[in-house]
């Protein structure tokens, strides 16, 4: 099946309560436009420079999600247009996003990334770091960021029980954090290989790339 057939099939499978982020990293403008022409508008990129180039050339009603690890010195390039930053894993990064958003007279929605995988390579806050961030005076002083949810990635493994346990853990953290931040709405977990499990465990935003666009192009 082609890109348009893939995205329609996945959307048919998802309920209205689950937001699909089509992960378009490394994909061409033509591939993105094929998905766009099905009516889809939310795309995810993992490199700020690539996302900025696509924003400059593709239709302006696309909502660009930054799903990769964010370096603070790159925030200024996406601050004018980014719709959601998924991978916020430090207070220093939040402070920089707040500063750049203020310059653009915007409030930028962000997700706090929580470390739930057993792999050391995954970024994210642990429970203690999350708790410390939420009570920090600098966090309470932020004016131009909106924490709208949490994000996490499960271990890359065929062990379904482990993946389910990690997603269940993130849902519990989400529920606990929502008591402190009642505005939390988004629980972003699940990718092409595990999004069905993630949805069963409470995800309402999934990031799907290869199941839509085919295998990833490596630059």
N, C-alpha and C. Protein backbone atom coordinates (compact mmCIF):
# COMPACT_ATOMS: atom_id res chain seq x y z
N UNK A 1 0.84 -1.20 0.00
CA UNK A 1 0.00 0.00 0.00
C UNK A 1 0.87 1.24 0.00
N UNK A 2 0.32 2.32 -0.55
CA UNK A 2 1.04 3.58 -0.57
C UNK A 2 0.80 4.38 0.69
N UNK A 3 1.41 5.55 0.76
CA UNK A 3 1.32 6.40 1.94
C UNK A 3 -0.12 6.77 2.26
N UNK A 4 -0.87 7.20 1.24
CA UNK A 4 -2.25 7.63 1.50
C UNK A 4 -3.11 6.48 2.00
N UNK A 5 -2.93 5.28 1.40
CA UNK A 5 -3.69 4.12 1.88
C UNK A 5 -3.30 3.76 3.31
N UNK A 6 -1.99 3.82 3.60
CA UNK A 6 -1.51 3.49 4.95
C UNK A 6 -2.12 4.41 6.00
N UNK A 7 -2.10 5.71 5.72
CA UNK A 7 -2.57 6.66 6.74
C UNK A 7 -4.08 6.54 6.93
N UNK A 8 -4.80 6.27 5.84
CA UNK A 8 -6.26 6.09 5.98
C UNK A 8 -6.57 4.84 6.80
N UNK A 9 -5.81 3.77 6.56
CA UNK A 9 -6.04 2.51 7.29
C UNK A 9 -5.79 2.69 8.78
N UNK A 10 -4.70 3.40 9.12
CA UNK A 10 -4.38 3.62 10.54
C UNK A 10 -5.43 4.51 11.19
N UNK A 11 -5.87 5.55 10.49
CA UNK A 11 -6.88 6.45 11.06
C UNK A 11 -8.20 5.72 11.28
N UNK A 12 -8.52 4.78 10.41
CA UNK A 12 -9.74 3.98 10.58
C UNK A 12 -9.65 3.16 11.86
N UNK A 13 -8.44 2.70 12.15
CA UNK A 13 -8.20 1.87 13.33
C UNK A 13 -8.24 2.68 14.62
N UNK A 14 -7.81 3.94 14.57
CA UNK A 14 -7.75 4.77 15.77
C UNK A 14 -9.11 5.37 16.09
N UNK A 15 -9.38 5.53 17.39
CA UNK A 15 -10.61 6.22 17.78
C UNK A 15 -10.42 7.73 17.66
N UNK A 16 -11.52 8.46 17.72
CA UNK A 16 -11.46 9.92 17.63
C UNK A 16 -10.69 10.53 18.79
N UNK A 17 -10.51 9.77 19.85
CA UNK A 17 -9.83 10.30 21.05
C UNK A 17 -8.31 10.19 20.96
N UNK A 18 -7.81 9.54 19.91
CA UNK A 18 -6.36 9.34 19.77
C UNK A 18 -5.85 10.20 18.61
N UNK A 19 -4.88 11.06 18.91
CA UNK A 19 -4.28 11.93 17.90
C UNK A 19 -3.11 11.21 17.23
N UNK A 20 -3.10 11.24 15.92
CA UNK A 20 -2.03 10.62 15.15
C UNK A 20 -1.00 11.67 14.74
N UNK A 21 0.25 11.45 15.15
CA UNK A 21 1.37 12.25 14.67
C UNK A 21 2.09 11.42 13.61
N UNK A 22 2.03 11.87 12.37
CA UNK A 22 2.72 11.16 11.28
C UNK A 22 4.19 11.56 11.31
N UNK A 23 5.04 10.61 11.63
CA UNK A 23 6.47 10.91 11.81
C UNK A 23 7.13 10.96 10.44
N UNK A 24 7.45 12.19 10.03
CA UNK A 24 7.93 12.44 8.66
C UNK A 24 9.42 12.70 8.59
N UNK A 25 10.16 12.44 9.67
CA UNK A 25 11.60 12.70 9.68
C UNK A 25 12.27 11.93 8.54
N UNK A 26 13.18 12.57 7.88
CA UNK A 26 13.95 12.07 6.73
C UNK A 26 13.11 11.89 5.46
N UNK A 27 11.81 12.14 5.52
CA UNK A 27 10.95 11.93 4.35
C UNK A 27 10.86 13.20 3.51
N UNK A 28 10.62 13.00 2.23
CA UNK A 28 10.60 14.12 1.28
C UNK A 28 9.32 14.93 1.41
N UNK A 29 9.37 16.15 0.87
CA UNK A 29 8.16 16.98 0.80
C UNK A 29 7.05 16.27 0.03
N UNK A 30 7.42 15.54 -1.01
CA UNK A 30 6.42 14.82 -1.81
C UNK A 30 5.70 13.77 -0.97
N UNK A 31 6.46 13.03 -0.17
CA UNK A 31 5.84 12.03 0.71
C UNK A 31 4.89 12.69 1.71
N UNK A 32 5.35 13.80 2.28
CA UNK A 32 4.52 14.51 3.26
C UNK A 32 3.24 15.03 2.60
N UNK A 33 3.37 15.56 1.40
CA UNK A 33 2.19 16.08 0.69
C UNK A 33 1.20 14.98 0.35
N UNK A 34 1.71 13.77 0.10
CA UNK A 34 0.78 12.66 -0.16
C UNK A 34 -0.07 12.38 1.08
N UNK A 35 0.56 12.41 2.25
CA UNK A 35 -0.20 12.24 3.50
C UNK A 35 -1.10 13.45 3.75
N UNK A 36 -0.58 14.63 3.48
CA UNK A 36 -1.34 15.88 3.66
C UNK A 36 -2.61 15.87 2.82
N UNK A 37 -2.52 15.34 1.62
CA UNK A 37 -3.67 15.35 0.71
C UNK A 37 -4.78 14.39 1.11
N UNK A 38 -4.52 13.56 2.13
CA UNK A 38 -5.61 12.75 2.71
C UNK A 38 -6.39 13.54 3.75
N UNK A 39 -5.91 14.76 4.06
CA UNK A 39 -6.54 15.57 5.09
C UNK A 39 -5.76 15.61 6.39
N UNK A 40 -4.64 14.88 6.45
CA UNK A 40 -3.85 14.85 7.68
C UNK A 40 -3.00 16.11 7.81
N UNK A 41 -2.90 16.63 9.05
CA UNK A 41 -2.20 17.90 9.23
C UNK A 41 -1.10 17.87 10.31
N UNK A 42 -0.96 16.79 11.05
CA UNK A 42 0.00 16.76 12.16
C UNK A 42 1.19 15.87 11.80
N UNK A 43 2.38 16.49 11.75
CA UNK A 43 3.59 15.77 11.36
C UNK A 43 4.67 15.96 12.41
N UNK A 44 5.47 14.92 12.62
CA UNK A 44 6.53 14.94 13.63
C UNK A 44 7.91 14.85 13.02
N UNK A 45 8.79 15.71 13.50
CA UNK A 45 10.19 15.71 13.05
C UNK A 45 11.11 15.59 14.26
N UNK A 46 12.34 15.08 14.05
CA UNK A 46 13.25 14.94 15.18
C UNK A 46 14.49 15.82 15.08
N UNK A 47 14.59 16.62 13.99
CA UNK A 47 15.71 17.56 13.86
C UNK A 47 15.15 18.94 13.54
N UNK A 48 15.57 19.92 14.32
CA UNK A 48 15.01 21.26 14.18
C UNK A 48 15.28 21.84 12.80
N UNK A 49 16.50 21.66 12.29
CA UNK A 49 16.84 22.24 10.99
C UNK A 49 15.97 21.67 9.88
N UNK A 50 15.79 20.34 9.89
CA UNK A 50 14.97 19.70 8.86
C UNK A 50 13.51 20.16 8.98
N UNK A 51 13.01 20.24 10.19
CA UNK A 51 11.63 20.68 10.40
C UNK A 51 11.43 22.11 9.93
N UNK A 52 12.41 22.98 10.20
CA UNK A 52 12.31 24.39 9.80
C UNK A 52 12.29 24.52 8.28
N UNK A 53 13.12 23.74 7.61
CA UNK A 53 13.14 23.77 6.15
C UNK A 53 11.80 23.33 5.57
N UNK A 54 11.22 22.31 6.17
CA UNK A 54 9.92 21.83 5.69
C UNK A 54 8.81 22.84 5.98
N UNK A 55 8.88 23.46 7.14
CA UNK A 55 7.89 24.49 7.49
C UNK A 55 7.93 25.64 6.48
N UNK A 56 9.12 25.98 6.04
CA UNK A 56 9.26 27.11 5.11
C UNK A 56 8.68 26.81 3.74
N UNK A 57 8.64 25.55 3.34
CA UNK A 57 8.25 25.21 1.97
C UNK A 57 6.89 24.52 1.85
N UNK A 58 6.39 23.94 2.92
CA UNK A 58 5.14 23.18 2.86
C UNK A 58 3.96 24.03 3.36
N UNK A 59 2.73 23.57 3.15
CA UNK A 59 1.55 24.38 3.53
C UNK A 59 1.58 24.82 4.99
N UNK A 60 1.11 26.03 5.20
CA UNK A 60 1.24 26.65 6.52
C UNK A 60 0.20 26.16 7.53
N UNK A 61 -0.76 25.36 7.10
CA UNK A 61 -1.71 24.83 8.08
C UNK A 61 -1.24 23.50 8.68
N UNK A 62 -0.03 23.06 8.32
CA UNK A 62 0.54 21.87 8.97
C UNK A 62 0.93 22.22 10.40
N UNK A 63 0.61 21.32 11.32
CA UNK A 63 1.05 21.45 12.72
C UNK A 63 2.32 20.60 12.88
N UNK A 64 3.42 21.28 13.17
CA UNK A 64 4.70 20.59 13.29
C UNK A 64 4.99 20.25 14.75
N UNK A 65 5.21 18.97 15.00
CA UNK A 65 5.57 18.50 16.34
C UNK A 65 7.05 18.14 16.36
N UNK A 66 7.77 18.67 17.34
CA UNK A 66 9.18 18.30 17.53
C UNK A 66 9.23 17.10 18.46
N UNK A 67 9.61 15.94 17.91
CA UNK A 67 9.54 14.71 18.70
C UNK A 67 10.91 14.21 19.14
N UNK A 68 11.97 14.85 18.65
CA UNK A 68 13.31 14.40 18.99
C UNK A 68 13.87 15.10 20.22
N UNK A 69 15.08 14.71 20.59
CA UNK A 69 15.76 15.38 21.70
C UNK A 69 16.12 16.80 21.27
N UNK A 70 15.84 17.77 22.12
CA UNK A 70 16.00 19.18 21.76
C UNK A 70 17.23 19.77 22.42
N UNK A 71 18.08 20.40 21.61
CA UNK A 71 19.21 21.17 22.14
C UNK A 71 18.75 22.61 22.36
N UNK A 72 19.16 23.18 23.46
CA UNK A 72 18.66 24.51 23.81
C UNK A 72 19.02 25.56 22.76
N UNK A 73 20.19 25.43 22.14
CA UNK A 73 20.60 26.45 21.17
C UNK A 73 19.83 26.37 19.86
N UNK A 74 18.97 25.35 19.70
CA UNK A 74 18.17 25.21 18.48
C UNK A 74 16.73 25.70 18.68
N UNK A 75 16.35 25.96 19.91
CA UNK A 75 14.95 26.31 20.19
C UNK A 75 14.51 27.53 19.41
N UNK A 76 15.39 28.52 19.28
CA UNK A 76 15.02 29.79 18.64
C UNK A 76 14.56 29.61 17.19
N UNK A 77 15.06 28.57 16.53
CA UNK A 77 14.71 28.38 15.12
C UNK A 77 13.28 27.87 14.94
N UNK A 78 12.79 27.10 15.91
CA UNK A 78 11.43 26.56 15.76
C UNK A 78 10.39 27.32 16.57
N UNK A 79 10.84 28.22 17.44
CA UNK A 79 9.91 28.94 18.32
C UNK A 79 8.80 29.67 17.58
N UNK A 80 9.04 30.22 16.37
CA UNK A 80 7.96 30.95 15.70
C UNK A 80 6.79 30.08 15.25
N UNK A 81 7.00 28.76 15.10
CA UNK A 81 5.95 27.97 14.44
C UNK A 81 5.63 26.63 15.08
N UNK A 82 6.50 26.06 15.90
CA UNK A 82 6.27 24.69 16.39
C UNK A 82 4.95 24.61 17.15
N UNK A 83 4.20 23.53 16.90
CA UNK A 83 2.88 23.37 17.54
C UNK A 83 2.96 22.64 18.87
N UNK A 84 3.92 21.72 18.98
CA UNK A 84 4.07 20.96 20.23
C UNK A 84 5.49 20.41 20.29
N UNK A 85 6.15 20.57 21.44
CA UNK A 85 7.47 19.99 21.67
C UNK A 85 7.30 18.80 22.61
N UNK A 86 7.62 17.61 22.11
CA UNK A 86 7.36 16.37 22.88
C UNK A 86 8.41 16.09 23.94
N UNK A 87 9.69 16.34 23.61
CA UNK A 87 10.75 15.77 24.42
C UNK A 87 11.40 16.71 25.41
N UNK A 88 10.62 17.38 26.25
CA UNK A 88 11.21 18.31 27.22
C UNK A 88 11.63 17.52 28.45
N UNK A 89 12.95 17.51 28.70
CA UNK A 89 13.45 16.64 29.77
C UNK A 89 14.30 17.38 30.80
N UNK A 90 14.19 18.74 30.83
CA UNK A 90 14.94 19.47 31.86
C UNK A 90 14.32 20.85 32.06
N UNK A 91 14.52 21.38 33.23
CA UNK A 91 14.04 22.73 33.53
C UNK A 91 14.79 23.76 32.70
N UNK A 92 16.08 23.53 32.48
CA UNK A 92 16.88 24.48 31.68
C UNK A 92 16.31 24.60 30.27
N UNK A 93 15.88 23.49 29.70
CA UNK A 93 15.28 23.52 28.37
C UNK A 93 13.94 24.27 28.40
N UNK A 94 13.15 24.03 29.42
CA UNK A 94 11.87 24.74 29.55
C UNK A 94 12.08 26.26 29.65
N UNK A 95 13.07 26.66 30.41
CA UNK A 95 13.37 28.09 30.57
C UNK A 95 13.74 28.70 29.22
N UNK A 96 14.52 27.98 28.42
CA UNK A 96 14.91 28.47 27.09
C UNK A 96 13.70 28.55 26.15
N UNK A 97 12.85 27.54 26.20
CA UNK A 97 11.63 27.57 25.37
C UNK A 97 10.77 28.76 25.76
N UNK A 98 10.64 29.00 27.05
CA UNK A 98 9.85 30.12 27.55
C UNK A 98 10.42 31.45 27.03
N UNK A 99 11.73 31.59 27.07
CA UNK A 99 12.40 32.81 26.62
C UNK A 99 12.16 33.05 25.12
N UNK A 100 12.33 32.01 24.33
CA UNK A 100 12.16 32.15 22.88
C UNK A 100 10.69 32.34 22.50
N UNK A 101 9.80 31.71 23.23
CA UNK A 101 8.37 31.89 22.98
C UNK A 101 7.94 33.32 23.26
N UNK A 102 8.50 33.88 24.32
CA UNK A 102 8.19 35.27 24.69
C UNK A 102 8.62 36.22 23.57
N UNK A 103 9.79 35.97 22.99
CA UNK A 103 10.27 36.81 21.89
C UNK A 103 9.32 36.75 20.69
N UNK A 104 8.67 35.61 20.51
CA UNK A 104 7.74 35.44 19.38
C UNK A 104 6.30 35.78 19.77
N UNK A 105 6.12 36.25 21.00
CA UNK A 105 4.78 36.57 21.51
C UNK A 105 3.84 35.36 21.37
N UNK A 106 4.38 34.20 21.79
CA UNK A 106 3.62 32.95 21.71
C UNK A 106 3.65 32.23 23.05
N UNK A 107 2.72 31.32 23.22
CA UNK A 107 2.81 30.31 24.27
C UNK A 107 3.00 28.97 23.56
N UNK A 108 4.10 28.28 23.88
CA UNK A 108 4.42 27.03 23.19
C UNK A 108 4.00 25.84 24.05
N UNK A 109 3.12 24.98 23.55
CA UNK A 109 2.74 23.77 24.27
C UNK A 109 3.91 22.78 24.31
N UNK A 110 4.09 22.14 25.46
CA UNK A 110 5.18 21.19 25.64
C UNK A 110 4.70 19.95 26.39
N UNK A 111 5.35 18.84 26.11
CA UNK A 111 5.16 17.61 26.88
C UNK A 111 6.44 17.34 27.66
N UNK A 112 6.30 16.94 28.90
CA UNK A 112 7.46 16.51 29.68
C UNK A 112 7.76 15.06 29.35
N UNK A 113 9.01 14.79 29.00
CA UNK A 113 9.40 13.43 28.65
C UNK A 113 9.82 12.67 29.90
N UNK A 114 9.19 11.53 30.11
CA UNK A 114 9.45 10.70 31.29
C UNK A 114 10.22 9.45 30.85
N UNK A 115 11.26 9.12 31.60
CA UNK A 115 12.07 7.93 31.28
C UNK A 115 11.39 6.70 31.87
N UNK A 116 10.86 5.84 30.99
CA UNK A 116 10.18 4.63 31.46
C UNK A 116 10.88 3.36 30.98
N UNK A 117 11.76 3.48 29.98
CA UNK A 117 12.40 2.31 29.39
C UNK A 117 13.57 1.83 30.26
N UNK A 118 13.92 0.57 30.08
CA UNK A 118 15.08 0.03 30.78
C UNK A 118 16.38 0.32 30.03
N UNK A 119 16.25 0.87 28.83
CA UNK A 119 17.43 1.23 28.05
C UNK A 119 17.99 2.56 28.55
N UNK A 120 19.29 2.62 28.67
CA UNK A 120 19.93 3.85 29.13
C UNK A 120 19.95 4.93 28.05
N UNK A 121 19.73 4.53 26.81
CA UNK A 121 19.85 5.49 25.71
C UNK A 121 18.67 6.45 25.62
N UNK A 122 17.55 6.12 26.24
CA UNK A 122 16.38 6.96 26.14
C UNK A 122 16.51 8.17 27.09
N UNK A 123 16.09 9.33 26.61
CA UNK A 123 16.10 10.53 27.45
C UNK A 123 14.85 10.55 28.32
N UNK A 124 14.84 11.46 29.30
CA UNK A 124 13.63 11.67 30.08
C UNK A 124 13.90 11.84 31.55
N UNK A 125 12.89 12.37 32.23
CA UNK A 125 12.94 12.60 33.68
C UNK A 125 12.52 11.34 34.42
N UNK A 126 13.17 11.04 35.54
CA UNK A 126 12.64 9.99 36.40
C UNK A 126 11.64 10.62 37.36
N UNK A 127 11.01 9.82 38.19
CA UNK A 127 9.93 10.33 39.06
C UNK A 127 10.41 11.42 40.00
N UNK A 128 11.61 11.25 40.54
CA UNK A 128 12.14 12.25 41.47
C UNK A 128 12.45 13.56 40.76
N UNK A 129 13.02 13.46 39.56
CA UNK A 129 13.32 14.66 38.78
C UNK A 129 12.05 15.39 38.37
N UNK A 130 11.03 14.64 38.02
CA UNK A 130 9.74 15.25 37.67
C UNK A 130 9.17 16.00 38.86
N UNK A 131 9.20 15.38 40.01
CA UNK A 131 8.66 16.02 41.22
C UNK A 131 9.43 17.29 41.54
N UNK A 132 10.75 17.24 41.43
CA UNK A 132 11.57 18.42 41.71
C UNK A 132 11.28 19.54 40.72
N UNK A 133 11.10 19.19 39.47
CA UNK A 133 10.80 20.21 38.45
C UNK A 133 9.48 20.90 38.75
N UNK A 134 8.46 20.13 39.11
CA UNK A 134 7.12 20.69 39.29
C UNK A 134 7.03 21.68 40.45
N UNK A 135 7.93 21.55 41.42
CA UNK A 135 7.87 22.46 42.58
C UNK A 135 8.93 23.56 42.52
N UNK A 136 9.74 23.54 41.45
CA UNK A 136 10.81 24.55 41.34
C UNK A 136 10.22 25.94 41.09
N UNK A 137 10.75 26.97 41.78
CA UNK A 137 10.27 28.33 41.55
C UNK A 137 10.38 28.77 40.09
N UNK A 138 11.48 28.34 39.42
CA UNK A 138 11.66 28.71 38.01
C UNK A 138 10.54 28.14 37.13
N UNK A 139 10.08 26.93 37.49
CA UNK A 139 8.99 26.32 36.74
C UNK A 139 7.70 27.11 36.92
N UNK A 140 7.42 27.48 38.16
CA UNK A 140 6.20 28.22 38.45
C UNK A 140 6.22 29.61 37.81
N UNK A 141 7.41 30.12 37.50
CA UNK A 141 7.54 31.47 36.94
C UNK A 141 7.37 31.49 35.41
N UNK A 142 7.32 30.33 34.78
CA UNK A 142 7.22 30.29 33.32
C UNK A 142 5.89 30.87 32.85
N UNK A 143 5.96 31.75 31.86
CA UNK A 143 4.76 32.43 31.37
C UNK A 143 4.39 32.05 29.94
N UNK A 144 5.37 31.59 29.16
CA UNK A 144 5.13 31.38 27.73
C UNK A 144 5.27 29.93 27.28
N UNK A 145 5.20 29.01 28.24
CA UNK A 145 5.07 27.59 27.90
C UNK A 145 3.83 27.05 28.59
N UNK A 146 3.22 26.07 27.94
CA UNK A 146 2.06 25.40 28.52
C UNK A 146 2.38 23.90 28.57
N UNK A 147 2.46 23.34 29.76
CA UNK A 147 2.68 21.90 29.88
C UNK A 147 1.34 21.21 29.68
N UNK A 148 1.19 20.58 28.52
CA UNK A 148 -0.10 19.99 28.17
C UNK A 148 -0.15 18.48 28.35
N UNK A 149 0.99 17.87 28.68
CA UNK A 149 0.96 16.42 28.85
C UNK A 149 2.32 15.82 29.10
N UNK A 150 2.36 14.49 29.03
CA UNK A 150 3.59 13.73 29.24
C UNK A 150 3.85 12.84 28.02
N UNK A 151 5.12 12.50 27.82
CA UNK A 151 5.52 11.62 26.74
C UNK A 151 6.53 10.62 27.26
N UNK A 152 6.51 9.43 26.68
CA UNK A 152 7.52 8.44 27.04
C UNK A 152 7.64 7.38 25.97
N UNK A 153 8.81 6.74 25.91
CA UNK A 153 9.07 5.67 24.96
C UNK A 153 9.42 4.38 25.69
N UNK A 154 8.78 3.32 25.31
CA UNK A 154 9.05 2.03 25.93
C UNK A 154 10.35 1.44 25.39
N UNK A 155 10.86 0.45 26.11
CA UNK A 155 12.04 -0.28 25.66
C UNK A 155 11.78 -0.91 24.30
N UNK A 156 12.78 -0.88 23.42
CA UNK A 156 12.66 -1.51 22.11
C UNK A 156 12.89 -3.00 22.28
N UNK A 157 11.81 -3.74 22.41
CA UNK A 157 11.90 -5.17 22.70
C UNK A 157 10.65 -5.87 22.17
N UNK A 158 10.78 -7.18 21.93
CA UNK A 158 9.61 -7.97 21.53
C UNK A 158 8.83 -8.46 22.74
N UNK A 159 9.31 -8.15 23.94
CA UNK A 159 8.65 -8.58 25.16
C UNK A 159 7.43 -7.68 25.44
N UNK A 160 6.28 -8.15 25.00
CA UNK A 160 5.06 -7.33 25.11
C UNK A 160 4.71 -7.02 26.56
N UNK A 161 4.97 -7.96 27.45
CA UNK A 161 4.65 -7.73 28.86
C UNK A 161 5.47 -6.58 29.43
N UNK A 162 6.73 -6.50 29.04
CA UNK A 162 7.58 -5.41 29.53
C UNK A 162 7.11 -4.06 28.98
N UNK A 163 6.80 -4.03 27.68
CA UNK A 163 6.32 -2.80 27.06
C UNK A 163 5.03 -2.34 27.74
N UNK A 164 4.13 -3.28 27.97
CA UNK A 164 2.86 -2.94 28.61
C UNK A 164 3.08 -2.40 30.03
N UNK A 165 4.00 -3.02 30.74
CA UNK A 165 4.30 -2.58 32.11
C UNK A 165 4.84 -1.14 32.11
N UNK A 166 5.69 -0.83 31.14
CA UNK A 166 6.27 0.52 31.07
C UNK A 166 5.21 1.56 30.71
N UNK A 167 4.32 1.22 29.79
CA UNK A 167 3.23 2.14 29.45
C UNK A 167 2.27 2.32 30.63
N UNK A 168 2.01 1.23 31.33
CA UNK A 168 1.13 1.31 32.51
C UNK A 168 1.74 2.23 33.57
N UNK A 169 3.05 2.14 33.71
CA UNK A 169 3.78 2.99 34.66
C UNK A 169 3.65 4.46 34.27
N UNK A 170 3.79 4.76 32.98
CA UNK A 170 3.67 6.15 32.54
C UNK A 170 2.25 6.67 32.75
N UNK A 171 1.25 5.83 32.52
CA UNK A 171 -0.14 6.26 32.75
C UNK A 171 -0.35 6.58 34.23
N UNK A 172 0.25 5.81 35.12
CA UNK A 172 0.13 6.08 36.56
C UNK A 172 0.80 7.41 36.91
N UNK A 173 1.97 7.67 36.32
CA UNK A 173 2.66 8.95 36.54
C UNK A 173 1.81 10.10 36.01
N UNK A 174 1.20 9.90 34.84
CA UNK A 174 0.33 10.93 34.25
C UNK A 174 -0.83 11.25 35.19
N UNK A 175 -1.49 10.22 35.71
CA UNK A 175 -2.64 10.43 36.60
C UNK A 175 -2.22 11.17 37.87
N UNK A 176 -1.05 10.81 38.41
CA UNK A 176 -0.56 11.48 39.62
C UNK A 176 -0.20 12.94 39.33
N UNK A 177 0.45 13.17 38.18
CA UNK A 177 0.89 14.53 37.84
C UNK A 177 -0.30 15.44 37.54
N UNK A 178 -1.37 14.87 37.00
CA UNK A 178 -2.56 15.65 36.67
C UNK A 178 -3.19 16.27 37.92
N UNK A 179 -2.95 15.68 39.06
CA UNK A 179 -3.46 16.26 40.32
C UNK A 179 -2.73 17.57 40.62
N UNK A 180 -1.47 17.67 40.20
CA UNK A 180 -0.70 18.90 40.39
C UNK A 180 -0.88 19.88 39.24
N UNK A 181 -1.05 19.32 38.05
CA UNK A 181 -1.23 20.14 36.84
C UNK A 181 -2.54 19.72 36.17
N UNK A 182 -3.65 20.25 36.61
CA UNK A 182 -4.95 19.81 36.08
C UNK A 182 -5.13 20.03 34.59
N UNK A 183 -4.30 20.90 33.98
CA UNK A 183 -4.42 21.17 32.54
C UNK A 183 -3.85 20.05 31.67
N UNK A 184 -3.20 19.06 32.29
CA UNK A 184 -2.63 17.96 31.49
C UNK A 184 -3.73 17.24 30.73
N UNK A 185 -3.52 17.04 29.44
CA UNK A 185 -4.49 16.33 28.60
C UNK A 185 -3.85 15.25 27.75
N UNK A 186 -2.61 15.47 27.34
CA UNK A 186 -1.98 14.59 26.35
C UNK A 186 -1.10 13.55 27.02
N UNK A 187 -1.31 12.29 26.67
CA UNK A 187 -0.40 11.22 27.07
C UNK A 187 0.13 10.60 25.77
N UNK A 188 1.35 11.02 25.38
CA UNK A 188 1.94 10.61 24.11
C UNK A 188 2.84 9.41 24.33
N UNK A 189 2.34 8.25 23.95
CA UNK A 189 3.16 7.04 24.01
C UNK A 189 2.66 6.07 22.96
N UNK A 190 3.62 5.38 22.34
CA UNK A 190 3.29 4.43 21.30
C UNK A 190 3.80 4.86 19.95
N UNK A 191 4.52 3.93 19.27
CA UNK A 191 5.04 4.16 17.94
C UNK A 191 4.59 3.01 17.04
N UNK A 192 5.14 2.91 15.83
CA UNK A 192 4.64 1.92 14.87
C UNK A 192 4.58 0.51 15.45
N UNK A 193 5.60 0.14 16.24
CA UNK A 193 5.67 -1.23 16.73
C UNK A 193 4.83 -1.54 17.96
N UNK A 194 4.39 -0.50 18.67
CA UNK A 194 3.72 -0.79 19.95
C UNK A 194 2.51 0.12 20.23
N UNK A 195 2.01 0.82 19.21
CA UNK A 195 0.96 1.81 19.51
C UNK A 195 -0.35 1.17 19.96
N UNK A 196 -0.64 -0.07 19.49
CA UNK A 196 -1.89 -0.70 19.95
C UNK A 196 -1.85 -0.95 21.46
N UNK A 197 -0.69 -1.42 21.94
CA UNK A 197 -0.54 -1.65 23.39
C UNK A 197 -0.64 -0.32 24.13
N UNK A 198 0.02 0.71 23.60
CA UNK A 198 0.00 2.03 24.25
C UNK A 198 -1.42 2.56 24.39
N UNK A 199 -2.22 2.41 23.33
CA UNK A 199 -3.61 2.89 23.39
C UNK A 199 -4.40 2.11 24.43
N UNK A 200 -4.19 0.81 24.49
CA UNK A 200 -4.87 -0.01 25.51
C UNK A 200 -4.52 0.45 26.91
N UNK A 201 -3.30 1.00 27.08
CA UNK A 201 -2.85 1.44 28.40
C UNK A 201 -3.10 2.93 28.65
N UNK A 202 -3.81 3.59 27.74
CA UNK A 202 -4.24 4.95 28.03
C UNK A 202 -3.67 6.05 27.16
N UNK A 203 -2.86 5.73 26.16
CA UNK A 203 -2.30 6.75 25.29
C UNK A 203 -3.40 7.44 24.48
N UNK A 204 -3.29 8.76 24.32
CA UNK A 204 -4.21 9.46 23.42
C UNK A 204 -3.46 10.24 22.33
N UNK A 205 -2.16 9.93 22.17
CA UNK A 205 -1.38 10.47 21.06
C UNK A 205 -0.31 9.45 20.68
N UNK A 206 -0.27 9.07 19.41
CA UNK A 206 0.71 8.08 18.95
C UNK A 206 1.55 8.67 17.84
N UNK A 207 2.81 8.25 17.79
CA UNK A 207 3.77 8.76 16.81
C UNK A 207 4.13 7.62 15.86
N UNK A 208 3.61 7.69 14.64
CA UNK A 208 3.74 6.58 13.71
C UNK A 208 4.45 7.04 12.44
N UNK A 209 5.56 6.39 12.12
CA UNK A 209 6.33 6.75 10.94
C UNK A 209 6.38 5.66 9.91
N UNK A 210 7.08 4.55 10.22
CA UNK A 210 7.34 3.52 9.22
C UNK A 210 6.06 2.84 8.73
N UNK A 211 5.04 2.74 9.57
CA UNK A 211 3.78 2.12 9.15
C UNK A 211 3.01 3.00 8.17
N UNK A 212 3.39 4.28 8.09
CA UNK A 212 2.78 5.20 7.12
C UNK A 212 3.69 5.37 5.91
N UNK A 213 4.95 5.74 6.16
CA UNK A 213 5.86 6.14 5.09
C UNK A 213 6.80 5.03 4.61
N UNK A 214 6.77 3.89 5.28
CA UNK A 214 7.74 2.85 4.95
C UNK A 214 9.00 3.06 5.77
N UNK A 215 10.01 2.20 5.54
CA UNK A 215 11.19 2.28 6.38
C UNK A 215 11.90 3.62 6.23
N UNK A 216 12.59 3.96 7.29
CA UNK A 216 13.21 5.27 7.41
C UNK A 216 14.37 5.43 6.43
N UNK A 217 14.49 6.65 5.90
CA UNK A 217 15.66 7.00 5.09
C UNK A 217 16.75 7.51 6.02
N UNK A 218 17.94 7.01 5.89
CA UNK A 218 19.04 7.48 6.73
C UNK A 218 19.90 8.43 5.92
N UNK A 219 20.11 9.63 6.49
CA UNK A 219 20.91 10.64 5.80
C UNK A 219 22.38 10.28 5.89
